[in-house]
Amino acid sequence: MLLALDVAVTGLGRVVRWLPRLLAIYWLPWLLGTIALLILEAVVQDQLRLGDAPDWARNIVWAPFAGMAYLMLLRWVLNDEPPARAINLEMERKAWIAAPIVAAWFVASITVTGAPMPLLHWLVLPPDVRDYRWEDVAPYYYALQFTTWLVDGVLTACFFGLIVVVERYGWPNLSKHWQLLRRRPVRLLSISLLAAAASGGAWRLGSQALAWLGVYKLAPQGMIPWRDNIQWAFVYELACFPLAFLNFAIQGCIMAEAYRRLVADSGRP
C-alpha cells in the first residue's frame, strides 16, 4: 500500500510541477472533442428530435480526442518526450488504434457505474415498493456500489494498460498487455482506485465550486433551435474546462506513473 501511495503522490507531483505542459497536451483535443460533442447534440436534438444524445454516443464521439491526449501523455512519461509546443495533436496511426479502446473503456465504465440501481430493482426490490423501507435495501445498495467501484478500478487499470501497449508497440498486443498486468495486479488495482479517488474528489470539489459560481446556469435547456443555443452551450463547456482538465491530469498522471514503473520492472530479471 505504501508503494501505491508513493506512485499516487509522484503522479500528483507531476500534475503540480508540469501543469503548463499538461495543458499543452490537453487543450486542443478537448476543444476539438467539445466541438464534436456540440455537433452531435445539435444533430440529435434539433435535426432528429430524439432528445439528449445518450451517454454511450457522447463517449464514443469523445473517445478519439481523449485517446490523443492519453497517447501524448504516455509518450512524455514513458519515453521522456515532453510536449515542445503549445499546440499538440496526435494524428498518427496509434491514435486511430487507441480510439476504439478508449471508447470501449468509457462505455464499459458508464455501464458499470450506472448498474447499482437497475440491479437493485431486479434482485432485491419487489414490484410494489411503497411499503419497502430504505433500511431494508441499504446494505444491498452499498454492497453493489462497492462492487461497481472495484470493477471500475479493474477496467481503468486494464484499458489504460492497453493504451500503454499501443503507445509502446503500435498495436494492442495482448500478450504484452498480459505481461504488464500480471506483474503487480494488486498494486495496480490499488493505484487505479487511488487515482479514481483523487480525480473523483477533485471533480466533486470543482463541481461544488462551479455550482457556487453559478456556472451551471449558463447551460441551455436544449439545442432547439441549435443556432440560438450552441454558443451558450460552448460557453458552458468552456467554463467547465478546468474541471475536465484536472480530471484528465490527475488520473492520467497517476496511471501513467504506475505503468512507467511496471515497464521499468519488466526489463529486470
Protein backbone atom coordinates (compact mmCIF):
# COMPACT_ATOMS: atom_id res chain seq x y z
CA MET A 1 0.00 0.00 0.00
CA LEU A 2 2.88 2.38 0.71
CA LEU A 3 4.23 1.79 -2.80
CA ALA A 4 0.81 2.55 -4.26
CA LEU A 5 0.69 5.78 -2.26
CA ASP A 6 4.17 6.67 -3.48
CA VAL A 7 3.03 6.25 -7.09
CA ALA A 8 -0.04 8.40 -6.45
CA VAL A 9 2.00 11.15 -4.78
CA THR A 10 4.53 11.09 -7.64
CA GLY A 11 1.73 11.37 -10.19
CA LEU A 12 0.15 14.28 -8.32
CA GLY A 13 3.56 15.93 -8.08
CA ARG A 14 3.84 15.72 -11.86
CA VAL A 15 0.49 17.49 -12.15
CA VAL A 16 1.65 20.33 -9.91
CA ARG A 17 5.14 20.70 -11.43
CA TRP A 18 4.23 20.38 -15.09
CA LEU A 19 0.76 21.92 -15.26
CA PRO A 20 1.54 24.10 -18.33
CA ARG A 21 2.86 21.10 -20.28
CA LEU A 22 -0.18 19.04 -19.37
CA LEU A 23 -2.34 21.92 -20.53
CA ALA A 24 -0.44 21.97 -23.82
CA ILE A 25 -1.27 18.29 -24.26
CA TYR A 26 -4.95 18.57 -23.38
CA TRP A 27 -6.41 21.84 -24.64
CA LEU A 28 -6.57 21.17 -28.39
CA PRO A 29 -8.01 17.61 -28.17
CA TRP A 30 -10.51 18.98 -25.63
CA LEU A 31 -11.50 21.82 -27.97
CA LEU A 32 -11.98 19.54 -30.98
CA GLY A 33 -13.81 16.95 -28.90
CA THR A 34 -16.12 19.60 -27.41
CA ILE A 35 -16.99 20.90 -30.88
CA ALA A 36 -17.74 17.32 -31.98
CA LEU A 37 -20.00 16.79 -28.95
CA LEU A 38 -21.88 20.03 -29.62
CA ILE A 39 -22.43 18.98 -33.23
CA LEU A 40 -23.70 15.61 -32.00
CA GLU A 41 -26.18 17.29 -29.63
CA ALA A 42 -27.35 19.70 -32.34
CA VAL A 43 -27.99 16.85 -34.78
CA VAL A 44 -29.68 14.54 -32.27
CA GLN A 45 -31.82 17.21 -30.61
CA ASP A 46 -32.60 19.72 -33.35
CA GLN A 47 -32.42 17.68 -36.55
CA LEU A 48 -33.55 14.24 -35.40
CA ARG A 49 -35.68 15.44 -32.43
CA LEU A 50 -34.60 12.47 -30.27
CA GLY A 51 -33.90 14.38 -27.06
CA ASP A 52 -30.47 14.46 -25.44
CA ALA A 53 -27.76 12.32 -27.00
CA PRO A 54 -27.24 9.14 -24.94
CA ASP A 55 -24.13 8.89 -22.79
CA TRP A 56 -22.75 5.98 -24.80
CA ALA A 57 -22.90 8.04 -28.00
CA ARG A 58 -21.25 11.03 -26.34
CA ASN A 59 -18.44 8.81 -25.03
CA ILE A 60 -17.85 7.22 -28.43
CA VAL A 61 -17.58 10.67 -30.04
CA TRP A 62 -15.27 11.91 -27.28
CA ALA A 63 -13.03 8.83 -27.24
CA PRO A 64 -10.72 9.65 -30.22
CA PHE A 65 -9.81 13.02 -28.74
CA ALA A 66 -9.26 11.61 -25.24
CA GLY A 67 -7.11 8.91 -26.81
CA MET A 68 -4.91 11.55 -28.44
CA ALA A 69 -4.34 13.25 -25.09
CA TYR A 70 -3.55 9.95 -23.33
CA LEU A 71 -1.05 8.94 -26.02
CA MET A 72 0.78 12.27 -25.81
CA LEU A 73 0.88 11.99 -22.03
CA LEU A 74 2.26 8.44 -22.20
CA ARG A 75 4.88 9.42 -24.77
CA TRP A 76 6.08 12.03 -22.30
CA VAL A 77 6.06 9.79 -19.21
CA LEU A 78 7.33 6.56 -20.82
CA ASN A 79 9.74 7.94 -23.41
CA ASP A 80 10.69 11.26 -21.80
CA GLU A 81 9.38 13.22 -24.79
CA PRO A 82 7.57 16.23 -23.28
CA PRO A 83 5.44 18.47 -25.50
CA ALA A 84 7.69 21.06 -27.10
CA ARG A 85 4.91 23.29 -28.45
CA ALA A 86 1.78 24.94 -27.15
CA ILE A 87 -0.27 23.26 -29.89
CA ASN A 88 -0.14 19.45 -29.89
CA LEU A 89 -2.27 16.93 -31.71
CA GLU A 90 -1.72 13.20 -32.20
CA MET A 91 -2.94 12.15 -35.66
CA GLU A 92 -0.74 9.13 -36.33
CA ARG A 93 -1.83 5.50 -36.68
CA LYS A 94 -1.60 4.91 -32.93
CA ALA A 95 -4.35 7.46 -32.30
CA TRP A 96 -6.78 5.64 -34.57
CA ILE A 97 -5.94 2.32 -32.92
CA ALA A 98 -6.36 3.77 -29.43
CA ALA A 99 -9.72 5.40 -30.22
CA PRO A 100 -11.89 2.22 -30.06
CA ILE A 101 -10.01 1.11 -26.93
CA VAL A 102 -10.83 4.38 -25.17
CA ALA A 103 -14.42 4.21 -26.43
CA ALA A 104 -14.82 0.68 -25.04
CA TRP A 105 -13.28 1.82 -21.73
CA PHE A 106 -15.63 4.79 -21.36
CA VAL A 107 -18.77 2.88 -22.38
CA ALA A 108 -17.89 -0.01 -20.05
CA SER A 109 -17.22 2.46 -17.21
CA ILE A 110 -20.58 4.27 -17.51
CA THR A 111 -22.34 0.92 -17.82
CA VAL A 112 -20.75 -0.38 -14.63
CA THR A 113 -21.19 2.82 -12.59
CA GLY A 114 -24.84 3.03 -13.61
CA ALA A 115 -25.58 -0.60 -12.73
CA PRO A 116 -26.36 -0.49 -8.95
CA MET A 117 -29.90 0.90 -9.16
CA PRO A 118 -31.11 -1.37 -12.01
CA LEU A 119 -29.54 -4.36 -10.25
CA LEU A 120 -31.17 -3.32 -7.01
CA HIS A 121 -34.60 -3.20 -8.64
CA TRP A 122 -34.02 -6.53 -10.37
CA LEU A 123 -32.50 -8.52 -7.49
CA VAL A 124 -33.91 -7.00 -4.31
CA LEU A 125 -36.90 -4.72 -4.65
CA PRO A 126 -40.37 -6.28 -5.06
CA PRO A 127 -42.72 -4.99 -7.77
CA ASP A 128 -44.62 -2.91 -5.20
CA VAL A 129 -42.05 -0.83 -3.28
CA ARG A 130 -44.42 1.55 -1.46
CA ASP A 131 -44.05 -0.22 1.87
CA TYR A 132 -40.37 -1.12 1.44
CA ARG A 133 -38.10 0.69 3.87
CA TRP A 134 -34.69 2.14 2.95
CA GLU A 135 -33.15 0.33 5.95
CA ASP A 136 -34.06 -2.98 4.30
CA VAL A 137 -32.39 -2.20 1.00
CA ALA A 138 -29.42 -0.05 2.11
CA PRO A 139 -26.97 -2.96 2.73
CA TYR A 140 -27.60 -4.31 -0.77
CA TYR A 141 -27.22 -0.87 -2.33
CA TYR A 142 -23.90 -0.14 -0.63
CA ALA A 143 -22.63 -3.63 -1.46
CA LEU A 144 -23.45 -3.06 -5.14
CA GLN A 145 -21.82 0.38 -5.05
CA PHE A 146 -18.65 -1.09 -3.56
CA THR A 147 -18.61 -3.88 -6.15
CA THR A 148 -19.02 -1.48 -9.07
CA TRP A 149 -16.26 0.72 -7.61
CA LEU A 150 -13.89 -2.23 -7.63
CA VAL A 151 -14.94 -3.33 -11.12
CA ASP A 152 -14.47 0.20 -12.45
CA GLY A 153 -10.98 0.23 -10.94
CA VAL A 154 -10.18 -3.02 -12.74
CA LEU A 155 -11.50 -1.61 -16.02
CA THR A 156 -9.36 1.52 -15.67
CA ALA A 157 -6.21 -0.49 -14.97
CA CYS A 158 -6.82 -2.89 -17.87
CA PHE A 159 -7.84 -0.39 -20.54
CA PHE A 160 -5.15 2.12 -19.58
CA GLY A 161 -2.62 -0.69 -19.82
CA LEU A 162 -3.84 -1.47 -23.32
CA ILE A 163 -3.28 2.16 -24.32
CA VAL A 164 0.24 1.86 -22.89
CA VAL A 165 0.84 -1.18 -25.10
CA VAL A 166 -0.42 0.73 -28.15
CA GLU A 167 1.97 3.59 -27.39
CA ARG A 168 4.94 1.23 -26.95
CA TYR A 169 4.30 -1.27 -29.74
CA GLY A 170 1.90 0.50 -32.10
CA TRP A 171 -0.67 -2.26 -31.70
CA PRO A 172 -2.79 -3.74 -28.85
CA ASN A 173 -0.52 -6.74 -28.32
CA LEU A 174 -2.50 -8.80 -25.81
CA SER A 175 0.46 -10.91 -24.72
CA LYS A 176 2.46 -7.79 -23.82
CA HIS A 177 -0.61 -6.41 -22.11
CA TRP A 178 -0.99 -9.55 -20.00
CA GLN A 179 2.69 -9.46 -19.08
CA LEU A 180 2.23 -5.97 -17.64
CA LEU A 181 -0.99 -6.75 -15.79
CA ARG A 182 0.23 -9.91 -14.10
CA ARG A 183 3.42 -8.42 -12.66
CA ARG A 184 1.78 -6.39 -9.87
CA PRO A 185 -2.01 -6.88 -10.16
CA VAL A 186 -2.93 -5.98 -6.58
CA ARG A 187 -0.70 -2.91 -6.56
CA LEU A 188 -2.03 -1.85 -9.94
CA LEU A 189 -5.63 -2.15 -8.74
CA SER A 190 -4.77 -0.16 -5.59
CA ILE A 191 -3.22 2.60 -7.69
CA SER A 192 -6.22 2.63 -10.02
CA LEU A 193 -8.57 3.04 -7.06
CA LEU A 194 -6.37 5.80 -5.61
CA ALA A 195 -6.39 7.58 -8.97
CA ALA A 196 -10.17 7.31 -9.13
CA ALA A 197 -10.47 8.64 -5.57
CA ALA A 198 -8.14 11.59 -6.28
CA SER A 199 -9.75 12.58 -9.57
CA GLY A 200 -13.24 11.96 -8.18
CA GLY A 201 -12.53 14.13 -5.15
CA ALA A 202 -11.23 16.94 -7.34
CA TRP A 203 -14.31 16.56 -9.55
CA ARG A 204 -16.71 16.86 -6.60
CA LEU A 205 -14.93 19.88 -5.14
CA GLY A 206 -14.76 21.52 -8.55
CA SER A 207 -18.44 20.81 -9.20
CA GLN A 208 -19.39 22.47 -5.93
CA ALA A 209 -17.25 25.48 -6.81
CA LEU A 210 -18.87 25.77 -10.25
CA ALA A 211 -22.33 25.49 -8.70
CA TRP A 212 -21.46 28.23 -6.20
CA LEU A 213 -20.25 30.45 -9.04
CA GLY A 214 -23.48 29.82 -10.96
CA VAL A 215 -21.73 28.22 -13.94
CA TYR A 216 -24.39 25.54 -14.35
CA LYS A 217 -26.97 28.25 -15.02
CA LEU A 218 -25.14 29.00 -18.27
CA ALA A 219 -26.12 25.65 -19.77
CA PRO A 220 -29.06 25.97 -22.19
CA GLN A 221 -32.11 23.77 -21.63
CA GLY A 222 -31.64 22.19 -25.04
CA MET A 223 -30.32 22.70 -28.56
CA ILE A 224 -33.60 23.61 -30.25
CA PRO A 225 -33.03 25.68 -32.30
CA TRP A 226 -29.33 24.94 -32.36
CA ARG A 227 -28.32 28.31 -33.83
CA ASP A 228 -29.66 30.12 -30.76
CA ASN A 229 -28.22 27.76 -28.18
CA ILE A 230 -24.94 26.36 -29.42
CA GLN A 231 -22.90 29.42 -28.43
CA TRP A 232 -24.20 29.26 -24.84
CA ALA A 233 -23.54 25.53 -24.76
CA PHE A 234 -19.94 26.21 -25.78
CA VAL A 235 -19.58 28.95 -23.14
CA TYR A 236 -20.80 26.46 -20.53
CA GLU A 237 -18.34 23.80 -21.70
CA LEU A 238 -15.55 26.37 -21.66
CA ALA A 239 -16.39 27.28 -18.07
CA CYS A 240 -16.22 23.58 -17.15
CA PHE A 241 -12.85 23.10 -18.90
CA PRO A 242 -10.73 23.39 -15.70
CA LEU A 243 -12.72 20.56 -14.15
CA ALA A 244 -12.28 18.27 -17.15
CA PHE A 245 -8.59 19.15 -17.38
CA LEU A 246 -7.90 18.36 -13.73
CA ASN A 247 -9.72 15.04 -14.04
CA PHE A 248 -7.56 14.08 -17.03
CA ALA A 249 -4.34 15.34 -15.46
CA ILE A 250 -4.78 13.66 -12.06
CA GLN A 251 -6.00 10.27 -13.24
CA GLY A 252 -3.73 10.23 -16.30
CA CYS A 253 -0.54 11.17 -14.44
CA ILE A 254 -1.11 8.66 -11.63
CA MET A 255 -1.86 5.77 -14.01
CA ALA A 256 0.98 6.76 -16.34
CA GLU A 257 3.43 6.74 -13.42
CA ALA A 258 2.16 3.31 -12.36
CA TYR A 259 2.78 1.87 -15.81
CA ARG A 260 6.12 3.66 -16.15
CA ARG A 261 7.32 1.69 -13.14
CA LEU A 262 5.79 -1.54 -14.44
CA VAL A 263 7.53 -1.07 -17.79
CA ALA A 264 10.82 -0.39 -16.00
CA ASP A 265 10.37 -3.53 -13.86
CA SER A 266 9.57 -5.66 -16.91
CA GLY A 267 13.13 -5.16 -18.15
CA ARG A 268 14.59 -6.59 -14.94
CA PRO A 269 15.20 -10.30 -14.32
